[in-house]
């Protein structure tokens, strides 16, 4: 690696719109509460009071991610907000519980042309309808996957390992692949 490549990489790490172990220049800051708060407040669209972004978690498209108060992003969690203009963002309201290893995705691949490899088909036009919203007080279990356009309602529960492909109403418990309502909380 040349000196120019080294400094180019350092510059990328400093300015990129992401946080994670693949960005070692800033990732170490997640191990210390004060530097974690400063980094997250600078990178994210919003980073609430008493929230934490733990080492081992990833976020891409940080400028399109809002994290409310009292939210902990645990190791292995991956937040992917579509970095293209007009693409979906991620909003996590206050006091949301998120287990380890939860994945959020706000974009998808084209795959309708059978004469082309999926790799070569690219992505559909970015739209804000692909945003993900987690409403106040919901709980997303470990290893769940939330796909574009999902809204998880207030005080709802997403079971561990569920794949959420459509909106979840308030006070619902969903589980499975794809996630389905298994009961309503009363």
C-alpha atoms as a PDB file:
ATOM      1  CA  UNK A   1       0.000   0.000   0.000  1.00  0.00           C
ATOM      2  CA  UNK A   2       1.361   3.401  -0.943  1.00  0.00           C
ATOM      3  CA  UNK A   3       1.418   6.396   1.381  1.00  0.00           C
ATOM      4  CA  UNK A   4      -1.152   8.037  -0.891  1.00  0.00           C
ATOM      5  CA  UNK A   5      -3.466   5.004  -0.543  1.00  0.00           C
ATOM      6  CA  UNK A   6      -3.006   5.046   3.229  1.00  0.00           C
ATOM      7  CA  UNK A   7      -4.005   8.708   3.553  1.00  0.00           C
ATOM      8  CA  UNK A   8      -6.843   8.239   1.093  1.00  0.00           C
ATOM      9  CA  UNK A   9      -8.208   5.431   3.288  1.00  0.00           C
ATOM     10  CA  UNK A  10      -7.851   7.569   6.446  1.00  0.00           C
ATOM     11  CA  UNK A  11      -9.753  10.386   4.725  1.00  0.00           C
ATOM     12  CA  UNK A  12     -12.508   7.982   3.665  1.00  0.00           C
ATOM     13  CA  UNK A  13     -12.874   6.652   7.223  1.00  0.00           C
ATOM     14  CA  UNK A  14     -13.099  10.200   8.572  1.00  0.00           C
ATOM     15  CA  UNK A  15     -15.736  11.415   6.097  1.00  0.00           C
ATOM     16  CA  UNK A  16     -17.807   8.320   5.233  1.00  0.00           C
ATOM     17  CA  UNK A  17     -21.523   8.168   6.080  1.00  0.00           C
ATOM     18  CA  UNK A  18     -21.149   4.976   8.107  1.00  0.00           C
ATOM     19  CA  UNK A  19     -20.146   3.545  11.475  1.00  0.00           C
ATOM     20  CA  UNK A  20     -18.903   0.033  12.121  1.00  0.00           C
ATOM     21  CA  UNK A  21     -15.952  -2.274  12.682  1.00  0.00           C
ATOM     22  CA  UNK A  22     -14.965  -1.770   9.034  1.00  0.00           C
ATOM     23  CA  UNK A  23     -14.201   1.882   9.887  1.00  0.00           C
ATOM     24  CA  UNK A  24     -11.428   1.441  12.482  1.00  0.00           C
ATOM     25  CA  UNK A  25     -10.563   5.146  12.644  1.00  0.00           C
ATOM     26  CA  UNK A  26     -13.873   5.843  14.398  1.00  0.00           C
ATOM     27  CA  UNK A  27     -15.037   2.412  15.620  1.00  0.00           C
ATOM     28  CA  UNK A  28     -12.797   2.509  18.705  1.00  0.00           C
ATOM     29  CA  UNK A  29     -14.797   5.541  19.870  1.00  0.00           C
ATOM     30  CA  UNK A  30     -17.845   3.325  20.451  1.00  0.00           C
ATOM     31  CA  UNK A  31     -16.048   1.715  23.417  1.00  0.00           C
ATOM     32  CA  UNK A  32     -16.213   4.942  25.443  1.00  0.00           C
ATOM     33  CA  UNK A  33     -19.552   6.575  26.272  1.00  0.00           C
ATOM     34  CA  UNK A  34     -18.500  10.213  25.782  1.00  0.00           C
ATOM     35  CA  UNK A  35     -16.736   9.638  22.461  1.00  0.00           C
ATOM     36  CA  UNK A  36     -19.580   7.335  21.301  1.00  0.00           C
ATOM     37  CA  UNK A  37     -22.120  10.099  21.973  1.00  0.00           C
ATOM     38  CA  UNK A  38     -20.000  12.682  20.140  1.00  0.00           C
ATOM     39  CA  UNK A  39     -19.459  10.412  17.118  1.00  0.00           C
ATOM     40  CA  UNK A  40     -23.126   9.373  16.883  1.00  0.00           C
ATOM     41  CA  UNK A  41     -24.388  12.934  17.331  1.00  0.00           C
ATOM     42  CA  UNK A  42     -22.155  13.995  14.427  1.00  0.00           C
ATOM     43  CA  UNK A  43     -22.916  11.070  12.095  1.00  0.00           C
ATOM     44  CA  UNK A  44     -26.635  10.368  12.591  1.00  0.00           C
ATOM     45  CA  UNK A  45     -29.510  12.602  11.502  1.00  0.00           C
ATOM     46  CA  UNK A  46     -30.648  12.426  15.152  1.00  0.00           C
ATOM     47  CA  UNK A  47     -29.184  10.617  18.142  1.00  0.00           C
ATOM     48  CA  UNK A  48     -31.318  10.790  21.271  1.00  0.00           C
ATOM     49  CA  UNK A  49     -30.511  11.201  24.929  1.00  0.00           C
ATOM     50  CA  UNK A  50     -29.395   8.122  26.850  1.00  0.00           C
ATOM     51  CA  UNK A  51     -29.093   6.141  23.612  1.00  0.00           C
ATOM     52  CA  UNK A  52     -26.128   3.918  22.783  1.00  0.00           C
ATOM     53  CA  UNK A  53     -24.532   2.546  19.639  1.00  0.00           C
ATOM     54  CA  UNK A  54     -22.437  -0.391  20.801  1.00  0.00           C
ATOM     55  CA  UNK A  55     -19.174  -1.704  19.329  1.00  0.00           C
ATOM     56  CA  UNK A  56     -19.816  -4.375  16.714  1.00  0.00           C
ATOM     57  CA  UNK A  57     -22.925  -2.670  15.306  1.00  0.00           C
ATOM     58  CA  UNK A  58     -22.994  -1.220  11.784  1.00  0.00           C
ATOM     59  CA  UNK A  59     -24.821   1.726  10.233  1.00  0.00           C
ATOM     60  CA  UNK A  60     -24.650   2.789   6.593  1.00  0.00           C
ATOM     61  CA  UNK A  61     -26.302   5.985   5.411  1.00  0.00           C
ATOM     62  CA  UNK A  62     -26.071   7.461   8.923  1.00  0.00           C
ATOM     63  CA  UNK A  63     -27.277  10.870   7.718  1.00  0.00           C
ATOM     64  CA  UNK A  64     -30.668   9.219   6.968  1.00  0.00           C
ATOM     65  CA  UNK A  65     -31.000   7.451  10.320  1.00  0.00           C
ATOM     66  CA  UNK A  66     -32.764   8.948  13.358  1.00  0.00           C
ATOM     67  CA  UNK A  67     -32.438   7.255  16.740  1.00  0.00           C
ATOM     68  CA  UNK A  68     -34.700   8.411  19.574  1.00  0.00           C
ATOM     69  CA  UNK A  69     -34.146   8.567  23.334  1.00  0.00           C
ATOM     70  CA  UNK A  70     -33.303   5.460  25.393  1.00  0.00           C
ATOM     71  CA  UNK A  71     -32.479   3.214  22.417  1.00  0.00           C
ATOM     72  CA  UNK A  72     -29.565   0.750  22.420  1.00  0.00           C
ATOM     73  CA  UNK A  73     -28.161  -0.530  19.118  1.00  0.00           C
ATOM     74  CA  UNK A  74     -26.498  -3.821  20.071  1.00  0.00           C
ATOM     75  CA  UNK A  75     -23.563  -5.701  18.495  1.00  0.00           C
ATOM     76  CA  UNK A  76     -24.273  -7.411  15.200  1.00  0.00           C
ATOM     77  CA  UNK A  77     -27.111  -5.032  14.355  1.00  0.00           C
ATOM     78  CA  UNK A  78     -26.963  -3.565  10.841  1.00  0.00           C
ATOM     79  CA  UNK A  79     -28.847  -0.407   9.864  1.00  0.00           C
ATOM     80  CA  UNK A  80     -28.815   0.196   6.102  1.00  0.00           C
ATOM     81  CA  UNK A  81     -30.443   3.436   4.971  1.00  0.00           C
ATOM     82  CA  UNK A  82     -30.433   3.822   1.186  1.00  0.00           C
ATOM     83  CA  UNK A  83     -27.638   6.314   0.441  1.00  0.00           C
ATOM     84  CA  UNK A  84     -29.108   7.392  -2.920  1.00  0.00           C
ATOM     85  CA  UNK A  85     -31.025  10.677  -3.104  1.00  0.00           C
ATOM     86  CA  UNK A  86     -34.695  10.109  -2.293  1.00  0.00           C
ATOM     87  CA  UNK A  87     -34.019   6.639  -0.905  1.00  0.00           C
ATOM     88  CA  UNK A  88     -35.471   5.277   2.297  1.00  0.00           C
ATOM     89  CA  UNK A  89     -34.284   6.228   5.744  1.00  0.00           C
ATOM     90  CA  UNK A  90     -34.668   4.650   9.160  1.00  0.00           C
ATOM     91  CA  UNK A  91     -36.460   6.239  12.114  1.00  0.00           C
ATOM     92  CA  UNK A  92     -36.367   4.613  15.537  1.00  0.00           C
ATOM     93  CA  UNK A  93     -38.568   6.468  18.025  1.00  0.00           C
ATOM     94  CA  UNK A  94     -38.072   6.617  21.821  1.00  0.00           C
ATOM     95  CA  UNK A  95     -37.703   3.648  24.187  1.00  0.00           C
ATOM     96  CA  UNK A  96     -37.536   1.019  21.452  1.00  0.00           C
ATOM     97  CA  UNK A  97     -35.930  -2.295  22.437  1.00  0.00           C
ATOM     98  CA  UNK A  98     -33.722  -3.902  19.780  1.00  0.00           C
ATOM     99  CA  UNK A  99     -32.060  -7.291  20.251  1.00  0.00           C
ATOM    100  CA  UNK A 100     -28.593  -8.155  18.963  1.00  0.00           C
ATOM    101  CA  UNK A 101     -28.114  -8.923  15.281  1.00  0.00           C
ATOM    102  CA  UNK A 102     -31.236  -7.182  13.951  1.00  0.00           C
ATOM    103  CA  UNK A 103     -30.930  -6.118  10.282  1.00  0.00           C
ATOM    104  CA  UNK A 104     -32.703  -3.155   8.662  1.00  0.00           C
ATOM    105  CA  UNK A 105     -32.689  -2.809   4.842  1.00  0.00           C
ATOM    106  CA  UNK A 106     -34.269   0.062   2.900  1.00  0.00           C
ATOM    107  CA  UNK A 107     -33.420  -0.982  -0.655  1.00  0.00           C
ATOM    108  CA  UNK A 108     -33.789  -4.012  -2.905  1.00  0.00           C
ATOM    109  CA  UNK A 109     -32.459  -5.437  -6.188  1.00  0.00           C
ATOM    110  CA  UNK A 110     -34.164  -5.658  -9.568  1.00  0.00           C
ATOM    111  CA  UNK A 111     -34.576  -9.273 -10.686  1.00  0.00           C
ATOM    112  CA  UNK A 112     -37.373  -9.326 -13.273  1.00  0.00           C
ATOM    113  CA  UNK A 113     -35.267  -9.710 -16.447  1.00  0.00           C
ATOM    114  CA  UNK A 114     -34.416 -13.407 -16.783  1.00  0.00           C
ATOM    115  CA  UNK A 115     -32.025 -12.664 -19.668  1.00  0.00           C
ATOM    116  CA  UNK A 116     -29.676 -10.763 -17.301  1.00  0.00           C
ATOM    117  CA  UNK A 117     -27.839 -11.738 -14.191  1.00  0.00           C
ATOM    118  CA  UNK A 118     -29.392 -10.173 -11.089  1.00  0.00           C
ATOM    119  CA  UNK A 119     -26.002  -8.610 -10.410  1.00  0.00           C
ATOM    120  CA  UNK A 120     -26.309  -6.639 -13.667  1.00  0.00           C
ATOM    121  CA  UNK A 121     -29.923  -5.472 -13.145  1.00  0.00           C
ATOM    122  CA  UNK A 122     -29.172  -2.853 -10.515  1.00  0.00           C
ATOM    123  CA  UNK A 123     -31.713  -1.338  -8.163  1.00  0.00           C
ATOM    124  CA  UNK A 124     -35.222   0.081  -8.632  1.00  0.00           C
ATOM    125  CA  UNK A 125     -35.601   3.847  -8.375  1.00  0.00           C
ATOM    126  CA  UNK A 126     -35.096   4.999  -4.812  1.00  0.00           C
ATOM    127  CA  UNK A 127     -38.200   6.111  -2.954  1.00  0.00           C
ATOM    128  CA  UNK A 128     -38.936   7.346   0.559  1.00  0.00           C
ATOM    129  CA  UNK A 129     -41.740   4.726   0.708  1.00  0.00           C
ATOM    130  CA  UNK A 130     -38.946   2.237   1.405  1.00  0.00           C
ATOM    131  CA  UNK A 131     -38.229   3.893   4.775  1.00  0.00           C
ATOM    132  CA  UNK A 132     -38.452   1.897   7.991  1.00  0.00           C
ATOM    133  CA  UNK A 133     -40.162   3.256  11.126  1.00  0.00           C
ATOM    134  CA  UNK A 134     -40.086   1.731  14.595  1.00  0.00           C
ATOM    135  CA  UNK A 135     -42.681   3.444  16.783  1.00  0.00           C
ATOM    136  CA  UNK A 136     -42.305   4.250  20.480  1.00  0.00           C
ATOM    137  CA  UNK A 137     -42.073   1.326  22.869  1.00  0.00           C
ATOM    138  CA  UNK A 138     -41.884  -1.521  20.354  1.00  0.00           C
ATOM    139  CA  UNK A 139     -39.544  -4.478  20.801  1.00  0.00           C
ATOM    140  CA  UNK A 140     -37.623  -6.186  17.985  1.00  0.00           C
ATOM    141  CA  UNK A 141     -36.150  -9.549  18.988  1.00  0.00           C
ATOM    142  CA  UNK A 142     -32.626 -10.734  18.209  1.00  0.00           C
ATOM    143  CA  UNK A 143     -31.863 -11.690  14.630  1.00  0.00           C
ATOM    144  CA  UNK A 144     -35.025 -10.209  13.129  1.00  0.00           C
ATOM    145  CA  UNK A 145     -34.870  -8.710   9.636  1.00  0.00           C
ATOM    146  CA  UNK A 146     -36.897  -5.625   8.658  1.00  0.00           C
ATOM    147  CA  UNK A 147     -37.318  -4.994   4.937  1.00  0.00           C
ATOM    148  CA  UNK A 148     -38.159  -1.814   2.964  1.00  0.00           C
ATOM    149  CA  UNK A 149     -41.383   0.007   3.844  1.00  0.00           C
ATOM    150  CA  UNK A 150     -41.918  -1.645   7.234  1.00  0.00           C
ATOM    151  CA  UNK A 151     -43.570   0.232  10.105  1.00  0.00           C
ATOM    152  CA  UNK A 152     -43.567  -1.497  13.493  1.00  0.00           C
ATOM    153  CA  UNK A 153     -46.426  -0.127  15.583  1.00  0.00           C
ATOM    154  CA  UNK A 154     -46.344   1.325  19.068  1.00  0.00           C
ATOM    155  CA  UNK A 155     -45.865  -1.316  21.812  1.00  0.00           C
ATOM    156  CA  UNK A 156     -45.632  -4.131  19.254  1.00  0.00           C
ATOM    157  CA  UNK A 157     -43.337  -7.147  19.461  1.00  0.00           C
ATOM    158  CA  UNK A 158     -41.350  -8.662  16.597  1.00  0.00           C
ATOM    159  CA  UNK A 159     -40.233 -12.162  17.594  1.00  0.00           C
ATOM    160  CA  UNK A 160     -36.594 -13.174  17.386  1.00  0.00           C
ATOM    161  CA  UNK A 161     -35.659 -14.321  13.891  1.00  0.00           C
ATOM    162  CA  UNK A 162     -38.805 -12.946  12.233  1.00  0.00           C
ATOM    163  CA  UNK A 163     -38.594 -11.496   8.736  1.00  0.00           C
ATOM    164  CA  UNK A 164     -40.873  -8.475   8.584  1.00  0.00           C
ATOM    165  CA  UNK A 165     -42.061  -7.661   5.055  1.00  0.00           C
ATOM    166  CA  UNK A 166     -45.139  -5.503   5.762  1.00  0.00           C
ATOM    167  CA  UNK A 167     -46.400  -3.055   8.406  1.00  0.00           C
ATOM    168  CA  UNK A 168     -47.120  -4.276  11.935  1.00  0.00           C
ATOM    169  CA  UNK A 169     -50.085  -2.608  13.726  1.00  0.00           C
ATOM    170  CA  UNK A 170     -49.892  -1.148  17.243  1.00  0.00           C
ATOM    171  CA  UNK A 171     -49.922  -3.692  20.107  1.00  0.00           C
ATOM    172  CA  UNK A 172     -49.380  -6.737  17.865  1.00  0.00           C
ATOM    173  CA  UNK A 173     -47.025  -9.681  18.279  1.00  0.00           C
ATOM    174  CA  UNK A 174     -45.585 -10.976  14.990  1.00  0.00           C
ATOM    175  CA  UNK A 175     -43.428 -14.019  14.333  1.00  0.00           C
ATOM    176  CA  UNK A 176     -42.273 -16.203  11.479  1.00  0.00           C
ATOM    177  CA  UNK A 177     -40.968 -15.983   7.949  1.00  0.00           C
ATOM    178  CA  UNK A 178     -42.614 -13.900   6.654  1.00  0.00           C
ATOM    179  CA  UNK A 179     -43.826 -12.402   9.948  1.00  0.00           C
ATOM    180  CA  UNK A 180     -47.529 -12.798  10.680  1.00  0.00           C
ATOM    181  CA  UNK A 181     -49.629 -11.585  13.599  1.00  0.00           C
ATOM    182  CA  UNK A 182     -49.826 -14.329  16.206  1.00  0.00           C
ATOM    183  CA  UNK A 183     -51.703 -12.288  18.805  1.00  0.00           C
ATOM    184  CA  UNK A 184     -52.828  -8.809  19.763  1.00  0.00           C
ATOM    185  CA  UNK A 185     -51.863  -7.335  23.137  1.00  0.00           C
ATOM    186  CA  UNK A 186     -54.811  -6.110  25.197  1.00  0.00           C
END
